[in-house]
């Protein structure tokens, strides 16, 4: 399963690159607004850091507007993926941009029926929003299971299931169990994946026991030794 980072904060992305776990980045208008910078500049900076897919979302709602914005954004860098909403106009834009050779991420997916339409429109990615479904009393991860089953019935489908609106490490694990192709994770959640109280407790115990031996794994440098 690929890890995309859900942020438009270039400093956060730069800090996460060294982990080796960043396969791509997703952004949205809310995240761009938080960045407080020109949209195109943010996307260009992220694309320079991350060789994988970088989703840049259109702001227009009409077909013509989405195509104009999508084509302009696609020129920023070869790894830009155009993000469009799952609306009739968005799916038309998806089909056109895909036919032009541009990768497309269809976002705001909340049902299997919607995802089927996105796949038929040629989407590179479809983004089911797990956490937002949970917020309204549905089981968001059930949708991921449905899509894995449905897409698995058709070998010719190339649309990747991108689990979005991830709120916790449990969501990441459940998406992996379900078989999602990608999970897009806020930086906070990625750091939380490392954490377990038993790891901290075990490390503290090992270090305390090692100190009792009085040994050092790295010998002191010759110049630092004291002749007795």
Protein backbone atom coordinates (compact mmCIF):
# COMPACT_ATOMS: atom_id res chain seq x y z
CA UNK A 1 0.00 0.00 0.00
CA UNK A 2 1.32 3.42 -0.95
CA UNK A 3 1.43 6.31 1.54
CA UNK A 4 0.48 9.77 0.31
CA UNK A 5 0.83 12.70 2.72
CA UNK A 6 -2.26 14.89 3.03
CA UNK A 7 -0.83 18.37 3.49
CA UNK A 8 0.25 21.50 1.63
CA UNK A 9 2.88 22.38 4.24
CA UNK A 10 6.19 22.14 2.40
CA UNK A 11 8.19 22.11 5.64
CA UNK A 12 6.19 19.13 6.92
CA UNK A 13 6.72 17.26 3.68
CA UNK A 14 10.45 17.99 3.74
CA UNK A 15 10.67 16.60 7.29
CA UNK A 16 8.87 13.41 6.24
CA UNK A 17 10.89 12.75 3.08
CA UNK A 18 13.75 11.26 5.09
CA UNK A 19 11.45 8.56 6.49
CA UNK A 20 11.30 6.95 3.07
CA UNK A 21 7.55 6.51 3.48
CA UNK A 22 6.34 9.35 1.24
CA UNK A 23 5.06 7.95 -2.06
CA UNK A 24 3.04 11.03 -3.01
CA UNK A 25 1.09 14.03 -1.71
CA UNK A 26 -2.53 15.13 -1.77
CA UNK A 27 -3.67 18.70 -1.31
CA UNK A 28 -7.06 20.41 -1.31
CA UNK A 29 -8.29 24.02 -1.18
CA UNK A 30 -8.50 23.94 2.63
CA UNK A 31 -4.89 22.78 2.98
CA UNK A 32 -3.70 25.32 0.40
CA UNK A 33 -5.49 28.10 2.30
CA UNK A 34 -3.68 27.08 5.49
CA UNK A 35 -0.35 27.30 3.66
CA UNK A 36 -0.99 31.01 3.02
CA UNK A 37 0.95 31.03 -0.24
CA UNK A 38 0.21 31.18 -3.97
CA UNK A 39 -1.33 27.88 -5.06
CA UNK A 40 0.92 27.30 -8.06
CA UNK A 41 4.07 28.02 -6.02
CA UNK A 42 3.08 25.52 -3.33
CA UNK A 43 2.42 22.77 -5.87
CA UNK A 44 5.69 23.49 -7.68
CA UNK A 45 7.66 23.28 -4.42
CA UNK A 46 5.99 20.01 -3.43
CA UNK A 47 6.59 18.47 -6.86
CA UNK A 48 10.27 19.38 -6.59
CA UNK A 49 10.50 17.46 -3.30
CA UNK A 50 8.32 14.45 -4.11
CA UNK A 51 8.85 12.41 -7.29
CA UNK A 52 5.51 10.62 -6.84
CA UNK A 53 1.99 11.87 -7.65
CA UNK A 54 1.00 15.29 -6.24
CA UNK A 55 -2.73 16.02 -6.33
CA UNK A 56 -3.70 19.61 -7.11
CA UNK A 57 -7.44 20.34 -6.93
CA UNK A 58 -9.36 22.59 -9.30
CA UNK A 59 -11.52 25.33 -7.80
CA UNK A 60 -13.95 25.65 -10.71
CA UNK A 61 -17.26 23.79 -10.75
CA UNK A 62 -18.10 24.07 -14.46
CA UNK A 63 -16.69 21.69 -17.05
CA UNK A 64 -14.99 24.48 -18.97
CA UNK A 65 -13.50 25.95 -15.81
CA UNK A 66 -12.19 22.59 -14.58
CA UNK A 67 -10.55 21.87 -17.92
CA UNK A 68 -8.93 25.30 -18.06
CA UNK A 69 -7.61 25.06 -14.50
CA UNK A 70 -6.65 21.40 -14.82
CA UNK A 71 -4.62 21.97 -17.96
CA UNK A 72 -2.84 24.92 -16.37
CA UNK A 73 -2.02 22.97 -13.20
CA UNK A 74 -0.78 19.98 -15.20
CA UNK A 75 1.88 22.20 -16.76
CA UNK A 76 3.51 22.88 -13.36
CA UNK A 77 5.28 19.52 -13.24
CA UNK A 78 5.02 16.04 -14.82
CA UNK A 79 3.91 14.45 -11.53
CA UNK A 80 0.89 16.73 -10.96
CA UNK A 81 -2.39 14.82 -10.66
CA UNK A 82 -5.50 16.90 -11.28
CA UNK A 83 -8.09 16.54 -8.55
CA UNK A 84 -11.74 16.99 -9.56
CA UNK A 85 -14.97 16.55 -7.58
CA UNK A 86 -17.29 13.61 -8.15
CA UNK A 87 -19.96 15.59 -9.99
CA UNK A 88 -21.28 15.23 -13.54
CA UNK A 89 -19.01 18.04 -14.69
CA UNK A 90 -16.10 16.63 -12.71
CA UNK A 91 -16.42 13.22 -14.33
CA UNK A 92 -16.63 14.77 -17.80
CA UNK A 93 -13.47 16.72 -16.99
CA UNK A 94 -11.88 13.50 -15.75
CA UNK A 95 -12.57 11.71 -19.00
CA UNK A 96 -11.25 14.57 -21.13
CA UNK A 97 -8.09 15.13 -19.07
CA UNK A 98 -7.41 11.40 -18.95
CA UNK A 99 -7.73 11.15 -22.72
CA UNK A 100 -5.21 14.00 -22.96
CA UNK A 101 -2.72 11.97 -20.90
CA UNK A 102 -3.19 13.70 -17.54
CA UNK A 103 -3.63 11.67 -14.35
CA UNK A 104 -6.82 12.50 -12.44
CA UNK A 105 -7.87 11.99 -8.82
CA UNK A 106 -11.66 12.02 -8.40
CA UNK A 107 -12.38 13.24 -4.90
CA UNK A 108 -15.38 13.51 -2.54
CA UNK A 109 -16.49 9.94 -3.15
CA UNK A 110 -19.03 8.63 -0.62
CA UNK A 111 -20.61 5.61 -2.31
CA UNK A 112 -19.71 2.57 -4.38
CA UNK A 113 -22.01 3.80 -7.15
CA UNK A 114 -20.04 7.04 -7.39
CA UNK A 115 -16.74 5.16 -7.46
CA UNK A 116 -17.93 2.96 -10.32
CA UNK A 117 -18.67 6.10 -12.34
CA UNK A 118 -15.21 7.50 -11.57
CA UNK A 119 -13.57 4.28 -12.73
CA UNK A 120 -15.60 4.28 -15.95
CA UNK A 121 -14.56 7.90 -16.52
CA UNK A 122 -10.92 6.74 -16.48
CA UNK A 123 -9.85 8.13 -13.11
CA UNK A 124 -6.30 7.30 -12.04
CA UNK A 125 -7.42 7.49 -8.41
CA UNK A 126 -10.78 7.61 -6.68
CA UNK A 127 -10.82 9.03 -3.16
CA UNK A 128 -13.46 7.60 -0.78
CA UNK A 129 -13.70 9.74 2.36
CA UNK A 130 -13.61 7.28 5.26
CA UNK A 131 -13.63 9.69 8.20
CA UNK A 132 -16.41 11.88 6.89
CA UNK A 133 -18.64 8.83 6.45
CA UNK A 134 -17.87 7.84 10.03
CA UNK A 135 -18.89 11.36 11.10
CA UNK A 136 -22.44 10.89 9.80
CA UNK A 137 -22.97 7.49 11.37
CA UNK A 138 -21.87 5.27 8.49
CA UNK A 139 -18.91 2.90 8.49
CA UNK A 140 -16.45 4.52 6.14
CA UNK A 141 -14.16 1.52 5.90
CA UNK A 142 -17.03 -0.60 4.62
CA UNK A 143 -16.88 1.47 1.43
CA UNK A 144 -13.20 0.59 0.97
CA UNK A 145 -14.03 -3.12 1.29
CA UNK A 146 -16.83 -2.71 -1.27
CA UNK A 147 -14.59 -0.99 -3.79
CA UNK A 148 -11.80 -3.54 -3.44
CA UNK A 149 -14.36 -6.30 -4.13
CA UNK A 150 -16.00 -4.47 -7.04
CA UNK A 151 -12.80 -3.35 -8.77
CA UNK A 152 -11.37 -6.84 -8.30
CA UNK A 153 -14.14 -8.22 -10.50
CA UNK A 154 -12.82 -6.35 -13.55
CA UNK A 155 -9.21 -6.91 -14.52
CA UNK A 156 -9.28 -4.10 -17.08
CA UNK A 157 -9.95 -1.42 -14.43
CA UNK A 158 -6.82 0.52 -13.55
CA UNK A 159 -8.37 3.06 -11.15
CA UNK A 160 -6.59 2.96 -7.78
CA UNK A 161 -8.54 3.14 -4.50
CA UNK A 162 -7.14 6.03 -2.47
CA UNK A 163 -8.49 5.90 1.09
CA UNK A 164 -8.91 9.52 2.23
CA UNK A 165 -10.15 11.43 5.27
CA UNK A 166 -7.93 9.25 7.45
CA UNK A 167 -8.19 10.13 11.13
CA UNK A 168 -6.08 7.57 13.01
CA UNK A 169 -3.53 4.74 12.75
CA UNK A 170 -6.46 2.32 13.01
CA UNK A 171 -7.86 3.72 9.76
CA UNK A 172 -4.49 3.09 8.09
CA UNK A 173 -4.38 -0.52 9.31
CA UNK A 174 -7.99 -1.16 8.31
CA UNK A 175 -7.40 0.30 4.84
CA UNK A 176 -4.40 -2.02 4.43
CA UNK A 177 -6.46 -5.03 5.55
CA UNK A 178 -9.20 -4.08 3.08
CA UNK A 179 -6.68 -3.84 0.24
CA UNK A 180 -6.71 -0.12 -0.60
CA UNK A 181 -4.04 0.81 -3.14
CA UNK A 182 -3.18 4.07 -1.43
CA UNK A 183 -3.91 5.78 1.86
CA UNK A 184 -3.45 9.53 2.20
CA UNK A 185 -2.38 10.42 5.71
CA UNK A 186 -2.08 13.69 7.64
CA UNK A 187 1.50 14.08 8.93
CA UNK A 188 0.29 13.73 12.54
CA UNK A 189 -1.17 10.29 11.81
CA UNK A 190 1.99 9.11 10.05
CA UNK A 191 4.07 9.96 13.12
CA UNK A 192 1.50 8.18 15.30
CA UNK A 193 2.10 4.95 13.36
CA UNK A 194 5.47 4.66 15.09
CA UNK A 195 4.01 4.83 18.58
CA UNK A 196 3.23 2.04 21.04
CA UNK A 197 3.65 2.24 24.84
CA UNK A 198 5.22 -1.22 24.97
CA UNK A 199 7.93 -0.13 22.52
CA UNK A 200 8.79 2.82 24.78
CA UNK A 201 8.70 0.65 27.89
CA UNK A 202 10.81 -2.08 26.34
CA UNK A 203 13.45 0.35 25.09
CA UNK A 204 13.69 2.01 28.51
CA UNK A 205 14.21 -1.39 30.14
CA UNK A 206 16.87 -2.46 27.66
CA UNK A 207 18.79 0.81 28.06
CA UNK A 208 18.66 0.61 31.86
CA UNK A 209 19.94 -2.98 31.84
CA UNK A 210 22.71 -2.09 29.39
CA UNK A 211 23.91 0.78 31.55
CA UNK A 212 24.30 -1.64 34.47
CA UNK A 213 26.93 -3.59 32.48
CA UNK A 214 29.24 -0.58 32.31
CA UNK A 215 30.10 -1.52 28.73
CA UNK A 216 30.33 0.60 25.59
CA UNK A 217 29.73 -0.79 22.11
CA UNK A 218 31.91 1.93 20.54
CA UNK A 219 35.45 1.91 21.97
CA UNK A 220 36.87 5.23 23.12
CA UNK A 221 39.18 6.89 20.59
CA UNK A 222 42.89 6.34 21.20
CA UNK A 223 43.48 10.02 21.82
CA UNK A 224 40.81 10.06 24.55
CA UNK A 225 42.25 7.11 26.52
CA UNK A 226 43.93 7.79 29.85
CA UNK A 227 47.16 5.98 30.70
CA UNK A 228 47.10 4.62 34.22
